[in-house]
Amino acid sequence: MISTRSNFFLFYFLCLFFCLLSCANSHQEETASEDTEEEPESSEVSEVKIAFIGDQGLGENAQAVLLLMQSEGADVVFHQGDFDYTDDPDAWDNQINEILGEDFPYLASIGNHDETEWEGYQTNSRTYLMEDLENQVISSTSNNLVLEKGKTFVFVSGLGGNSIREEDDELALNPWWASVYTETQGADYGALFCTFNVDQMEGEGNCYFKDINGNIPDEFTLTSEVNAE
């Protein structure tokens, strides 16, 4: 496990990581084709399953989410801020180690509660595919999100174990939300899971949010066409 779990909060990390995977695989194929004297490397790519959480805390709820990630077979955890809410990094680190193990790849970015105390949002939500975030222009309302240059989406995965908030009625009126899961919808704690390179198909991903009771309020697929000619 990475002992220093700190970075900055990244809303677009999912898209960035997915694109990097696609670019890395394309580079490997080009390198292999340049040297005809060596045997070409296998074009197969490995699946990787990532769990995304935030707003974790300490105690039974947070531990239940960690156990969920373990049972779902996550290979990596991306924790987007707000760790233990008590400024006790040892307790937070021990909670993770006891369930996932000390060597489990757990990547974290600093949240506002890890610096100073203020009210945050504890929900799970996702936008549609957007072509202009500044002006909130929707590109597609399909649950198959085709990622191209200039198109992305935003998700909030903040049900890691600390608390669950009610829906903000004003925010909920915005048309770009593809999915919202709050106390208003009967939400429980959980995590967003994304498997990349599904069935060894480069550029394909399956994602779902699952709570600790087995409910799946949101599912969507990803297709990367960033490197398409």
C-alpha atoms as a PDB file:
ATOM      1  CA  MET A   1       0.000   0.000   0.000  1.00  0.00           C
ATOM      2  CA  ILE A   2       1.181   3.511  -0.696  1.00  0.00           C
ATOM      3  CA  SER A   3       1.836   5.054   2.727  1.00  0.00           C
ATOM      4  CA  THR A   4       1.615   8.703   1.630  1.00  0.00           C
ATOM      5  CA  ARG A   5      -1.903   8.914   0.222  1.00  0.00           C
ATOM      6  CA  SER A   6      -1.919  12.501  -0.998  1.00  0.00           C
ATOM      7  CA  ASN A   7      -2.375  14.379  -4.233  1.00  0.00           C
ATOM      8  CA  PHE A   8      -4.917  16.915  -5.464  1.00  0.00           C
ATOM      9  CA  PHE A   9      -8.610  16.250  -6.199  1.00  0.00           C
ATOM     10  CA  LEU A  10      -9.192  15.250  -9.832  1.00  0.00           C
ATOM     11  CA  PHE A  11     -12.714  15.281 -11.228  1.00  0.00           C
ATOM     12  CA  TYR A  12     -11.562  13.928 -14.584  1.00  0.00           C
ATOM     13  CA  PHE A  13      -9.207  11.171 -13.382  1.00  0.00           C
ATOM     14  CA  LEU A  14     -11.325   8.365 -14.746  1.00  0.00           C
ATOM     15  CA  CYS A  15     -11.272   9.714 -18.307  1.00  0.00           C
ATOM     16  CA  LEU A  16      -7.585  10.567 -18.084  1.00  0.00           C
ATOM     17  CA  PHE A  17      -6.622   7.114 -16.832  1.00  0.00           C
ATOM     18  CA  PHE A  18      -8.724   5.416 -19.493  1.00  0.00           C
ATOM     19  CA  CYS A  19      -7.123   7.495 -22.240  1.00  0.00           C
ATOM     20  CA  LEU A  20      -3.638   6.814 -20.880  1.00  0.00           C
ATOM     21  CA  LEU A  21      -4.302   3.076 -20.976  1.00  0.00           C
ATOM     22  CA  SER A  22      -5.381   3.347 -24.592  1.00  0.00           C
ATOM     23  CA  CYS A  23      -2.351   5.467 -25.542  1.00  0.00           C
ATOM     24  CA  ALA A  24       0.071   3.121 -23.761  1.00  0.00           C
ATOM     25  CA  ASN A  25      -1.317   0.062 -25.541  1.00  0.00           C
ATOM     26  CA  SER A  26      -1.081   1.827 -28.933  1.00  0.00           C
ATOM     27  CA  HIS A  27       2.547   2.739 -28.243  1.00  0.00           C
ATOM     28  CA  GLN A  28       3.387  -0.882 -27.393  1.00  0.00           C
ATOM     29  CA  GLU A  29       1.878  -2.093 -30.669  1.00  0.00           C
ATOM     30  CA  GLU A  30       3.830   0.501 -32.705  1.00  0.00           C
ATOM     31  CA  THR A  31       7.110  -0.430 -30.990  1.00  0.00           C
ATOM     32  CA  ALA A  32       6.604  -4.126 -31.690  1.00  0.00           C
ATOM     33  CA  SER A  33       5.858  -3.524 -35.391  1.00  0.00           C
ATOM     34  CA  GLU A  34       9.032  -1.452 -35.886  1.00  0.00           C
ATOM     35  CA  ASP A  35      11.354  -4.391 -35.213  1.00  0.00           C
ATOM     36  CA  THR A  36      10.463  -7.185 -37.645  1.00  0.00           C
ATOM     37  CA  GLU A  37      13.349  -9.407 -36.527  1.00  0.00           C
ATOM     38  CA  GLU A  38      11.845  -9.903 -33.080  1.00  0.00           C
ATOM     39  CA  GLU A  39       8.682 -11.845 -32.430  1.00  0.00           C
ATOM     40  CA  PRO A  40       5.729  -9.453 -32.139  1.00  0.00           C
ATOM     41  CA  GLU A  41       4.368  -8.976 -28.664  1.00  0.00           C
ATOM     42  CA  SER A  42       0.887 -10.248 -27.890  1.00  0.00           C
ATOM     43  CA  SER A  43      -1.809  -7.713 -28.726  1.00  0.00           C
ATOM     44  CA  GLU A  44      -3.890  -8.865 -25.763  1.00  0.00           C
ATOM     45  CA  VAL A  45      -4.461  -6.363 -22.997  1.00  0.00           C
ATOM     46  CA  SER A  46      -5.273  -7.198 -19.402  1.00  0.00           C
ATOM     47  CA  GLU A  47      -8.440  -6.191 -17.596  1.00  0.00           C
ATOM     48  CA  VAL A  48      -8.075  -3.914 -14.599  1.00  0.00           C
ATOM     49  CA  LYS A  49     -10.866  -3.111 -12.153  1.00  0.00           C
ATOM     50  CA  ILE A  50     -10.733   0.204 -10.280  1.00  0.00           C
ATOM     51  CA  ALA A  51     -12.885   1.223  -7.299  1.00  0.00           C
ATOM     52  CA  PHE A  52     -13.586   4.949  -6.862  1.00  0.00           C
ATOM     53  CA  ILE A  53     -14.640   6.354  -3.476  1.00  0.00           C
ATOM     54  CA  GLY A  54     -14.579   9.531  -1.393  1.00  0.00           C
ATOM     55  CA  ASP A  55     -15.785  10.754   2.027  1.00  0.00           C
ATOM     56  CA  GLN A  56     -14.776   7.625   3.904  1.00  0.00           C
ATOM     57  CA  GLY A  57     -14.436   8.134   7.672  1.00  0.00           C
ATOM     58  CA  LEU A  58     -13.717   5.485  10.292  1.00  0.00           C
ATOM     59  CA  GLY A  59     -15.992   2.718  11.559  1.00  0.00           C
ATOM     60  CA  GLU A  60     -18.441   0.059  10.404  1.00  0.00           C
ATOM     61  CA  ASN A  61     -19.775   1.850   7.316  1.00  0.00           C
ATOM     62  CA  ALA A  62     -16.315   2.593   5.946  1.00  0.00           C
ATOM     63  CA  GLN A  63     -15.190  -0.961   6.690  1.00  0.00           C
ATOM     64  CA  ALA A  64     -18.254  -2.357   4.903  1.00  0.00           C
ATOM     65  CA  VAL A  65     -17.312  -0.404   1.760  1.00  0.00           C
ATOM     66  CA  LEU A  66     -13.734  -1.715   1.948  1.00  0.00           C
ATOM     67  CA  LEU A  67     -15.100  -5.256   2.242  1.00  0.00           C
ATOM     68  CA  LEU A  68     -17.357  -4.565  -0.755  1.00  0.00           C
ATOM     69  CA  MET A  69     -14.341  -3.496  -2.818  1.00  0.00           C
ATOM     70  CA  GLN A  70     -12.548  -6.664  -1.762  1.00  0.00           C
ATOM     71  CA  SER A  71     -15.508  -8.898  -2.675  1.00  0.00           C
ATOM     72  CA  GLU A  72     -15.969  -7.154  -6.046  1.00  0.00           C
ATOM     73  CA  GLY A  73     -12.365  -7.984  -6.923  1.00  0.00           C
ATOM     74  CA  ALA A  74     -11.018  -4.449  -7.287  1.00  0.00           C
ATOM     75  CA  ASP A  75      -7.383  -4.318  -8.407  1.00  0.00           C
ATOM     76  CA  VAL A  76      -6.817  -0.677  -7.427  1.00  0.00           C
ATOM     77  CA  VAL A  77      -8.607   1.934  -5.294  1.00  0.00           C
ATOM     78  CA  PHE A  78      -8.734   5.630  -6.206  1.00  0.00           C
ATOM     79  CA  HIS A  79      -9.819   7.580  -3.116  1.00  0.00           C
ATOM     80  CA  GLN A  80     -10.761  11.141  -4.080  1.00  0.00           C
ATOM     81  CA  GLY A  81     -10.406  12.916  -0.774  1.00  0.00           C
ATOM     82  CA  ASP A  82     -11.827  13.120   2.751  1.00  0.00           C
ATOM     83  CA  PHE A  83     -10.156  10.300   4.626  1.00  0.00           C
ATOM     84  CA  ASP A  84     -11.026   9.843   8.312  1.00  0.00           C
ATOM     85  CA  TYR A  85     -12.494  13.225   9.444  1.00  0.00           C
ATOM     86  CA  THR A  86     -10.551  12.931  12.728  1.00  0.00           C
ATOM     87  CA  ASP A  87      -7.045  13.909  11.587  1.00  0.00           C
ATOM     88  CA  ASP A  88      -5.803  10.460  12.587  1.00  0.00           C
ATOM     89  CA  PRO A  89      -3.806   9.104   9.617  1.00  0.00           C
ATOM     90  CA  ASP A  90      -2.599   6.055  11.539  1.00  0.00           C
ATOM     91  CA  ALA A  91      -6.151   4.930  12.330  1.00  0.00           C
ATOM     92  CA  TRP A  92      -7.193   5.533   8.731  1.00  0.00           C
ATOM     93  CA  ASP A  93      -4.200   3.633   7.357  1.00  0.00           C
ATOM     94  CA  ASN A  94      -4.757   0.728   9.754  1.00  0.00           C
ATOM     95  CA  GLN A  95      -8.425   0.467   8.775  1.00  0.00           C
ATOM     96  CA  ILE A  96      -7.446  -0.004   5.125  1.00  0.00           C
ATOM     97  CA  ASN A  97      -4.534  -2.340   5.874  1.00  0.00           C
ATOM     98  CA  GLU A  98      -6.621  -4.661   8.031  1.00  0.00           C
ATOM     99  CA  ILE A  99      -9.048  -5.340   5.174  1.00  0.00           C
ATOM    100  CA  LEU A 100      -7.167  -4.838   1.906  1.00  0.00           C
ATOM    101  CA  GLY A 101      -3.634  -5.518   3.141  1.00  0.00           C
ATOM    102  CA  GLU A 102      -0.532  -3.355   3.379  1.00  0.00           C
ATOM    103  CA  ASP A 103       0.557  -3.981  -0.225  1.00  0.00           C
ATOM    104  CA  PHE A 104      -2.781  -3.242  -1.897  1.00  0.00           C
ATOM    105  CA  PRO A 105      -2.461  -0.380  -4.444  1.00  0.00           C
ATOM    106  CA  TYR A 106      -4.500   2.420  -2.838  1.00  0.00           C
ATOM    107  CA  LEU A 107      -4.123   5.867  -4.422  1.00  0.00           C
ATOM    108  CA  ALA A 108      -5.570   8.908  -2.687  1.00  0.00           C
ATOM    109  CA  SER A 109      -5.947  12.626  -3.258  1.00  0.00           C
ATOM    110  CA  ILE A 110      -6.381  15.240  -0.525  1.00  0.00           C
ATOM    111  CA  GLY A 111      -9.928  16.434   0.145  1.00  0.00           C
ATOM    112  CA  ASN A 112     -11.130  19.560   1.905  1.00  0.00           C
ATOM    113  CA  HIS A 113     -11.700  17.701   5.178  1.00  0.00           C
ATOM    114  CA  ASP A 114      -8.093  16.602   5.128  1.00  0.00           C
ATOM    115  CA  GLU A 115      -6.988  20.244   5.379  1.00  0.00           C
ATOM    116  CA  THR A 116      -9.731  22.301   7.033  1.00  0.00           C
ATOM    117  CA  GLU A 117     -13.249  21.485   8.177  1.00  0.00           C
ATOM    118  CA  TRP A 118     -16.210  22.488   5.973  1.00  0.00           C
ATOM    119  CA  GLU A 119     -19.436  20.969   4.681  1.00  0.00           C
ATOM    120  CA  GLY A 120     -19.007  18.613   1.702  1.00  0.00           C
ATOM    121  CA  TYR A 121     -21.297  16.604  -0.547  1.00  0.00           C
ATOM    122  CA  GLN A 122     -21.764  12.909   0.292  1.00  0.00           C
ATOM    123  CA  THR A 123     -23.611  11.464  -2.719  1.00  0.00           C
ATOM    124  CA  ASN A 124     -23.053   9.429  -5.846  1.00  0.00           C
ATOM    125  CA  SER A 125     -23.827  11.145  -9.127  1.00  0.00           C
ATOM    126  CA  ARG A 126     -22.754  11.240 -12.779  1.00  0.00           C
ATOM    127  CA  THR A 127     -23.272  13.573 -15.706  1.00  0.00           C
ATOM    128  CA  TYR A 128     -24.083  12.616 -19.260  1.00  0.00           C
ATOM    129  CA  LEU A 129     -21.306  12.774 -21.840  1.00  0.00           C
ATOM    130  CA  MET A 130     -20.493  16.488 -22.153  1.00  0.00           C
ATOM    131  CA  GLU A 131     -18.869  18.420 -24.982  1.00  0.00           C
ATOM    132  CA  ASP A 132     -18.663  21.727 -23.079  1.00  0.00           C
ATOM    133  CA  LEU A 133     -18.447  21.653 -19.287  1.00  0.00           C
ATOM    134  CA  GLU A 134     -18.225  25.416 -18.882  1.00  0.00           C
ATOM    135  CA  ASN A 135     -21.561  25.943 -20.644  1.00  0.00           C
ATOM    136  CA  GLN A 136     -23.006  22.537 -19.688  1.00  0.00           C
ATOM    137  CA  VAL A 137     -23.556  21.326 -23.253  1.00  0.00           C
ATOM    138  CA  ILE A 138     -24.637  17.682 -23.391  1.00  0.00           C
ATOM    139  CA  SER A 139     -23.099  15.572 -26.163  1.00  0.00           C
ATOM    140  CA  SER A 140     -25.135  12.393 -25.624  1.00  0.00           C
ATOM    141  CA  THR A 141     -27.615  10.957 -23.121  1.00  0.00           C
ATOM    142  CA  SER A 142     -26.672   7.359 -23.915  1.00  0.00           C
ATOM    143  CA  ASN A 143     -25.322   5.135 -21.139  1.00  0.00           C
ATOM    144  CA  ASN A 144     -22.590   4.076 -23.568  1.00  0.00           C
ATOM    145  CA  LEU A 145     -20.187   6.992 -23.212  1.00  0.00           C
ATOM    146  CA  VAL A 146     -17.940   7.310 -26.267  1.00  0.00           C
ATOM    147  CA  LEU A 147     -14.871   9.267 -25.189  1.00  0.00           C
ATOM    148  CA  GLU A 148     -13.407  11.410 -27.947  1.00  0.00           C
ATOM    149  CA  LYS A 149     -11.193  14.474 -27.979  1.00  0.00           C
ATOM    150  CA  GLY A 150     -13.196  17.297 -26.439  1.00  0.00           C
ATOM    151  CA  LYS A 151     -15.791  15.033 -24.813  1.00  0.00           C
ATOM    152  CA  THR A 152     -15.814  13.882 -21.199  1.00  0.00           C
ATOM    153  CA  PHE A 153     -18.045  13.349 -18.180  1.00  0.00           C
ATOM    154  CA  VAL A 154     -17.955  14.016 -14.441  1.00  0.00           C
ATOM    155  CA  PHE A 155     -18.809  11.713 -11.565  1.00  0.00           C
ATOM    156  CA  VAL A 156     -19.049  12.164  -7.807  1.00  0.00           C
ATOM    157  CA  SER A 157     -18.396   9.050  -5.716  1.00  0.00           C
ATOM    158  CA  GLY A 158     -18.768  10.271  -2.133  1.00  0.00           C
ATOM    159  CA  LEU A 159     -20.470   7.417  -0.281  1.00  0.00           C
ATOM    160  CA  GLY A 160     -17.332   5.882   1.195  1.00  0.00           C
ATOM    161  CA  GLY A 161     -18.717   5.516   4.730  1.00  0.00           C
ATOM    162  CA  ASN A 162     -18.942   8.880   6.484  1.00  0.00           C
ATOM    163  CA  SER A 163     -22.416  10.257   5.751  1.00  0.00           C
ATOM    164  CA  ILE A 164     -25.189  10.474   3.149  1.00  0.00           C
ATOM    165  CA  ARG A 165     -26.794  13.753   2.149  1.00  0.00           C
ATOM    166  CA  GLU A 166     -30.223  14.615   0.834  1.00  0.00           C
ATOM    167  CA  GLU A 167     -30.704  15.684  -2.750  1.00  0.00           C
ATOM    168  CA  ASP A 168     -30.162  19.343  -3.530  1.00  0.00           C
ATOM    169  CA  ASP A 169     -33.452  20.176  -5.274  1.00  0.00           C
ATOM    170  CA  GLU A 170     -31.979  23.109  -7.199  1.00  0.00           C
ATOM    171  CA  LEU A 171     -29.009  21.099  -8.461  1.00  0.00           C
ATOM    172  CA  ALA A 172     -31.253  18.162  -9.327  1.00  0.00           C
ATOM    173  CA  LEU A 173     -33.191  20.313 -11.826  1.00  0.00           C
ATOM    174  CA  ASN A 174     -30.152  20.565 -14.108  1.00  0.00           C
ATOM    175  CA  PRO A 175     -30.607  18.430 -17.236  1.00  0.00           C
ATOM    176  CA  TRP A 176     -27.070  17.077 -17.441  1.00  0.00           C
ATOM    177  CA  TRP A 177     -27.405  14.547 -14.611  1.00  0.00           C
ATOM    178  CA  ALA A 178     -27.497  10.967 -15.869  1.00  0.00           C
ATOM    179  CA  SER A 179     -27.747   9.489 -12.371  1.00  0.00           C
ATOM    180  CA  VAL A 180     -28.193  10.790  -8.820  1.00  0.00           C
ATOM    181  CA  TYR A 181     -28.107   8.602  -5.691  1.00  0.00           C
ATOM    182  CA  THR A 182     -28.646  10.423  -2.388  1.00  0.00           C
ATOM    183  CA  GLU A 183     -30.561   9.971   0.864  1.00  0.00           C
ATOM    184  CA  THR A 184     -33.626  11.143  -1.068  1.00  0.00           C
ATOM    185  CA  GLN A 185     -33.357   8.029  -3.281  1.00  0.00           C
ATOM    186  CA  GLY A 186     -32.646   5.775  -0.269  1.00  0.00           C
ATOM    187  CA  ALA A 187     -28.902   5.619  -0.910  1.00  0.00           C
ATOM    188  CA  ASP A 188     -26.502   3.530   1.141  1.00  0.00           C
ATOM    189  CA  TYR A 189     -22.708   3.484   1.273  1.00  0.00           C
ATOM    190  CA  GLY A 190     -20.796   2.003  -1.625  1.00  0.00           C
ATOM    191  CA  ALA A 191     -18.276   2.574  -4.430  1.00  0.00           C
ATOM    192  CA  LEU A 192     -18.050   3.101  -8.175  1.00  0.00           C
ATOM    193  CA  PHE A 193     -16.362   0.177  -9.937  1.00  0.00           C
ATOM    194  CA  CYS A 194     -14.917   0.382 -13.454  1.00  0.00           C
ATOM    195  CA  THR A 195     -13.317  -2.482 -15.360  1.00  0.00           C
ATOM    196  CA  PHE A 196     -11.091  -1.373 -18.243  1.00  0.00           C
ATOM    197  CA  ASN A 197     -10.071  -3.425 -21.300  1.00  0.00           C
ATOM    198  CA  VAL A 198     -13.129  -5.653 -20.843  1.00  0.00           C
ATOM    199  CA  ASP A 199     -12.643  -9.135 -22.318  1.00  0.00           C
ATOM    200  CA  GLN A 200      -9.177  -7.947 -23.402  1.00  0.00           C
ATOM    201  CA  MET A 201     -10.773  -5.405 -25.744  1.00  0.00           C
ATOM    202  CA  GLU A 202      -8.651  -2.280 -25.733  1.00  0.00           C
ATOM    203  CA  GLY A 203     -10.647   0.894 -25.224  1.00  0.00           C
ATOM    204  CA  GLU A 204     -13.719  -0.760 -23.684  1.00  0.00           C
ATOM    205  CA  GLY A 205     -14.885  -0.318 -20.101  1.00  0.00           C
ATOM    206  CA  ASN A 206     -17.829  -1.301 -17.902  1.00  0.00           C
ATOM    207  CA  CYS A 207     -18.771   0.768 -14.837  1.00  0.00           C
ATOM    208  CA  TYR A 208     -21.341   0.447 -12.066  1.00  0.00           C
ATOM    209  CA  PHE A 209     -22.021   1.906  -8.646  1.00  0.00           C
ATOM    210  CA  LYS A 210     -22.808  -0.731  -6.035  1.00  0.00           C
ATOM    211  CA  ASP A 211     -23.784  -0.167  -2.415  1.00  0.00           C
ATOM    212  CA  ILE A 212     -23.112  -2.419   0.558  1.00  0.00           C
ATOM    213  CA  ASN A 213     -26.591  -3.979   0.266  1.00  0.00           C
ATOM    214  CA  GLY A 214     -26.001  -5.065  -3.325  1.00  0.00           C
ATOM    215  CA  ASN A 215     -28.076  -2.334  -4.987  1.00  0.00           C
ATOM    216  CA  ILE A 216     -26.773  -1.010  -8.324  1.00  0.00           C
ATOM    217  CA  PRO A 217     -28.388   2.395  -9.017  1.00  0.00           C
ATOM    218  CA  ASP A 218     -26.138   3.280 -11.963  1.00  0.00           C
ATOM    219  CA  GLU A 219     -24.458   1.316 -14.766  1.00  0.00           C
ATOM    220  CA  PHE A 220     -22.729   2.586 -17.882  1.00  0.00           C
ATOM    221  CA  THR A 221     -20.122   1.581 -20.457  1.00  0.00           C
ATOM    222  CA  LEU A 222     -17.120   3.433 -21.825  1.00  0.00           C
ATOM    223  CA  THR A 223     -15.655   3.332 -25.317  1.00  0.00           C
ATOM    224  CA  SER A 224     -12.448   5.230 -26.009  1.00  0.00           C
ATOM    225  CA  GLU A 225     -12.043   6.626 -29.513  1.00  0.00           C
ATOM    226  CA  VAL A 226      -9.372   9.114 -28.501  1.00  0.00           C
ATOM    227  CA  ASN A 227      -6.811   7.428 -30.762  1.00  0.00           C
ATOM    228  CA  ALA A 228      -9.216   6.700 -33.597  1.00  0.00           C
ATOM    229  CA  GLU A 229      -7.999   7.960 -36.981  1.00  0.00           C
END
